[in-house]
């Protein structure tokens, strides 16, 4: 094995240098993920306490490269789950959700 500085293998020196060079990019990325993980329970709690509407979104494909987005909003997570189940059944039966707002763009 090729020896580097003071008996440390050369591959380990390259790996350590890469980590040091890339750490300015990884540290903010990791910190932003940790912040998102910490804020998520608070955001859910505030949505429940303030009775803010929950979004329900369905994507329906007409062609392989084209998707239409249907949106709806309900208050409460149980109502959102019920609407999502109803929309799933509508898509299976009618190929589009009738309980949600249709897309505004032509298609």
C-alpha atoms as a PDB file:
ATOM      1  CA  UNK A   1       0.000   0.000   0.000  1.00  0.00           C
ATOM      2  CA  UNK A   2       1.266   3.465  -0.801  1.00  0.00           C
ATOM      3  CA  UNK A   3       2.214   5.413   2.292  1.00  0.00           C
ATOM      4  CA  UNK A   4       1.315   9.074   2.593  1.00  0.00           C
ATOM      5  CA  UNK A   5       2.332  11.477   5.342  1.00  0.00           C
ATOM      6  CA  UNK A   6       3.573   9.995   8.661  1.00  0.00           C
ATOM      7  CA  UNK A   7       2.436   6.481   7.775  1.00  0.00           C
ATOM      8  CA  UNK A   8      -1.186   7.412   6.932  1.00  0.00           C
ATOM      9  CA  UNK A   9      -2.312   5.645   3.736  1.00  0.00           C
ATOM     10  CA  UNK A  10      -2.607   7.893   0.702  1.00  0.00           C
ATOM     11  CA  UNK A  11      -6.274   6.957   0.065  1.00  0.00           C
ATOM     12  CA  UNK A  12      -7.232   8.084   3.570  1.00  0.00           C
ATOM     13  CA  UNK A  13      -5.460  11.385   3.042  1.00  0.00           C
ATOM     14  CA  UNK A  14      -7.403  11.956  -0.194  1.00  0.00           C
ATOM     15  CA  UNK A  15     -10.694  11.061   1.547  1.00  0.00           C
ATOM     16  CA  UNK A  16      -9.971  13.412   4.450  1.00  0.00           C
ATOM     17  CA  UNK A  17      -9.082  16.222   2.045  1.00  0.00           C
ATOM     18  CA  UNK A  18     -12.307  15.650   0.100  1.00  0.00           C
ATOM     19  CA  UNK A  19     -14.365  15.784   3.301  1.00  0.00           C
ATOM     20  CA  UNK A  20     -12.680  19.027   4.351  1.00  0.00           C
ATOM     21  CA  UNK A  21     -13.182  20.606   0.928  1.00  0.00           C
ATOM     22  CA  UNK A  22     -16.840  19.561   0.664  1.00  0.00           C
ATOM     23  CA  UNK A  23     -17.867  20.285   4.274  1.00  0.00           C
ATOM     24  CA  UNK A  24     -18.883  23.909   3.535  1.00  0.00           C
ATOM     25  CA  UNK A  25     -21.508  22.463   1.179  1.00  0.00           C
ATOM     26  CA  UNK A  26     -22.669  19.538   3.320  1.00  0.00           C
ATOM     27  CA  UNK A  27     -22.957  21.316   6.664  1.00  0.00           C
ATOM     28  CA  UNK A  28     -25.667  23.813   5.541  1.00  0.00           C
ATOM     29  CA  UNK A  29     -27.479  20.990   3.730  1.00  0.00           C
ATOM     30  CA  UNK A  30     -27.515  18.792   6.838  1.00  0.00           C
ATOM     31  CA  UNK A  31     -28.498  21.710   9.075  1.00  0.00           C
ATOM     32  CA  UNK A  32     -31.426  22.608   6.810  1.00  0.00           C
ATOM     33  CA  UNK A  33     -32.681  19.008   6.955  1.00  0.00           C
ATOM     34  CA  UNK A  34     -32.384  18.978  10.737  1.00  0.00           C
ATOM     35  CA  UNK A  35     -34.283  22.270  10.944  1.00  0.00           C
ATOM     36  CA  UNK A  36     -37.039  20.871   8.725  1.00  0.00           C
ATOM     37  CA  UNK A  37     -37.308  17.769  10.903  1.00  0.00           C
ATOM     38  CA  UNK A  38     -37.584  19.899  14.030  1.00  0.00           C
ATOM     39  CA  UNK A  39     -40.111  22.355  12.574  1.00  0.00           C
ATOM     40  CA  UNK A  40     -42.456  19.763  11.033  1.00  0.00           C
ATOM     41  CA  UNK A  41     -44.190  18.702  14.294  1.00  0.00           C
ATOM     42  CA  UNK A  42     -44.655  22.366  15.237  1.00  0.00           C
ATOM     43  CA  UNK A  43     -46.129  23.172  11.826  1.00  0.00           C
ATOM     44  CA  UNK A  44     -48.571  20.255  12.093  1.00  0.00           C
ATOM     45  CA  UNK A  45     -49.575  21.314  15.589  1.00  0.00           C
ATOM     46  CA  UNK A  46     -50.206  24.888  14.435  1.00  0.00           C
ATOM     47  CA  UNK A  47     -52.276  23.640  11.484  1.00  0.00           C
ATOM     48  CA  UNK A  48     -54.486  21.691  13.890  1.00  0.00           C
ATOM     49  CA  UNK A  49     -54.741  24.466  16.505  1.00  0.00           C
ATOM     50  CA  UNK A  50     -55.506  27.209  13.962  1.00  0.00           C
ATOM     51  CA  UNK A  51     -57.903  24.959  11.978  1.00  0.00           C
ATOM     52  CA  UNK A  52     -56.092  25.751   8.737  1.00  0.00           C
ATOM     53  CA  UNK A  53     -57.235  23.858   5.633  1.00  0.00           C
ATOM     54  CA  UNK A  54     -55.392  20.724   4.542  1.00  0.00           C
ATOM     55  CA  UNK A  55     -54.603  20.463   0.832  1.00  0.00           C
ATOM     56  CA  UNK A  56     -55.663  17.414  -1.166  1.00  0.00           C
ATOM     57  CA  UNK A  57     -53.961  17.163  -4.569  1.00  0.00           C
ATOM     58  CA  UNK A  58     -54.501  14.596  -7.319  1.00  0.00           C
ATOM     59  CA  UNK A  59     -52.512  14.254 -10.519  1.00  0.00           C
ATOM     60  CA  UNK A  60     -54.287  12.688 -13.466  1.00  0.00           C
ATOM     61  CA  UNK A  61     -52.273  11.673 -16.525  1.00  0.00           C
ATOM     62  CA  UNK A  62     -53.856  12.173 -19.918  1.00  0.00           C
ATOM     63  CA  UNK A  63     -50.678  11.228 -21.773  1.00  0.00           C
ATOM     64  CA  UNK A  64     -47.278   9.981 -20.713  1.00  0.00           C
ATOM     65  CA  UNK A  65     -45.758  13.480 -20.576  1.00  0.00           C
ATOM     66  CA  UNK A  66     -48.784  15.473 -19.409  1.00  0.00           C
ATOM     67  CA  UNK A  67     -50.358  15.558 -15.962  1.00  0.00           C
ATOM     68  CA  UNK A  68     -53.325  17.590 -14.792  1.00  0.00           C
ATOM     69  CA  UNK A  69     -53.352  18.746 -11.192  1.00  0.00           C
ATOM     70  CA  UNK A  70     -56.635  18.850  -9.288  1.00  0.00           C
ATOM     71  CA  UNK A  71     -56.742  20.614  -5.906  1.00  0.00           C
ATOM     72  CA  UNK A  72     -59.077  20.795  -2.961  1.00  0.00           C
ATOM     73  CA  UNK A  73     -58.909  21.997   0.631  1.00  0.00           C
ATOM     74  CA  UNK A  74     -60.697  20.754   3.732  1.00  0.00           C
ATOM     75  CA  UNK A  75     -60.389  21.560   7.426  1.00  0.00           C
ATOM     76  CA  UNK A  76     -59.116  18.666   9.518  1.00  0.00           C
ATOM     77  CA  UNK A  77     -56.867  15.722   8.818  1.00  0.00           C
ATOM     78  CA  UNK A  78     -59.719  13.178   8.986  1.00  0.00           C
ATOM     79  CA  UNK A  79     -61.668  15.142   6.409  1.00  0.00           C
ATOM     80  CA  UNK A  80     -58.552  15.306   4.215  1.00  0.00           C
ATOM     81  CA  UNK A  81     -58.128  11.531   4.491  1.00  0.00           C
ATOM     82  CA  UNK A  82     -61.800  11.005   3.633  1.00  0.00           C
ATOM     83  CA  UNK A  83     -61.577  13.344   0.640  1.00  0.00           C
ATOM     84  CA  UNK A  84     -58.405  11.622  -0.570  1.00  0.00           C
ATOM     85  CA  UNK A  85     -60.152   8.221  -0.377  1.00  0.00           C
ATOM     86  CA  UNK A  86     -63.194   9.589  -2.240  1.00  0.00           C
ATOM     87  CA  UNK A  87     -60.955  11.114  -4.926  1.00  0.00           C
ATOM     88  CA  UNK A  88     -59.089   7.808  -5.299  1.00  0.00           C
ATOM     89  CA  UNK A  89     -62.389   6.023  -5.912  1.00  0.00           C
ATOM     90  CA  UNK A  90     -63.529   8.705  -8.375  1.00  0.00           C
ATOM     91  CA  UNK A  91     -60.322   8.374 -10.373  1.00  0.00           C
ATOM     92  CA  UNK A  92     -60.748   4.603 -10.515  1.00  0.00           C
ATOM     93  CA  UNK A  93     -64.383   4.909 -11.611  1.00  0.00           C
ATOM     94  CA  UNK A  94     -64.403   8.022 -13.816  1.00  0.00           C
ATOM     95  CA  UNK A  95     -60.705   8.599 -14.674  1.00  0.00           C
ATOM     96  CA  UNK A  96     -60.821  12.053 -13.040  1.00  0.00           C
ATOM     97  CA  UNK A  97     -61.654  13.456  -9.606  1.00  0.00           C
ATOM     98  CA  UNK A  98     -64.998  15.277  -9.519  1.00  0.00           C
ATOM     99  CA  UNK A  99     -64.671  16.349  -5.861  1.00  0.00           C
ATOM    100  CA  UNK A 100     -61.631  18.547  -6.523  1.00  0.00           C
ATOM    101  CA  UNK A 101     -61.181  21.798  -8.431  1.00  0.00           C
ATOM    102  CA  UNK A 102     -60.256  21.172 -12.040  1.00  0.00           C
ATOM    103  CA  UNK A 103     -57.070  22.671 -13.469  1.00  0.00           C
ATOM    104  CA  UNK A 104     -57.444  26.153 -14.927  1.00  0.00           C
ATOM    105  CA  UNK A 105     -55.018  25.704 -17.803  1.00  0.00           C
ATOM    106  CA  UNK A 106     -56.318  24.223 -21.062  1.00  0.00           C
ATOM    107  CA  UNK A 107     -55.672  20.571 -21.618  1.00  0.00           C
END
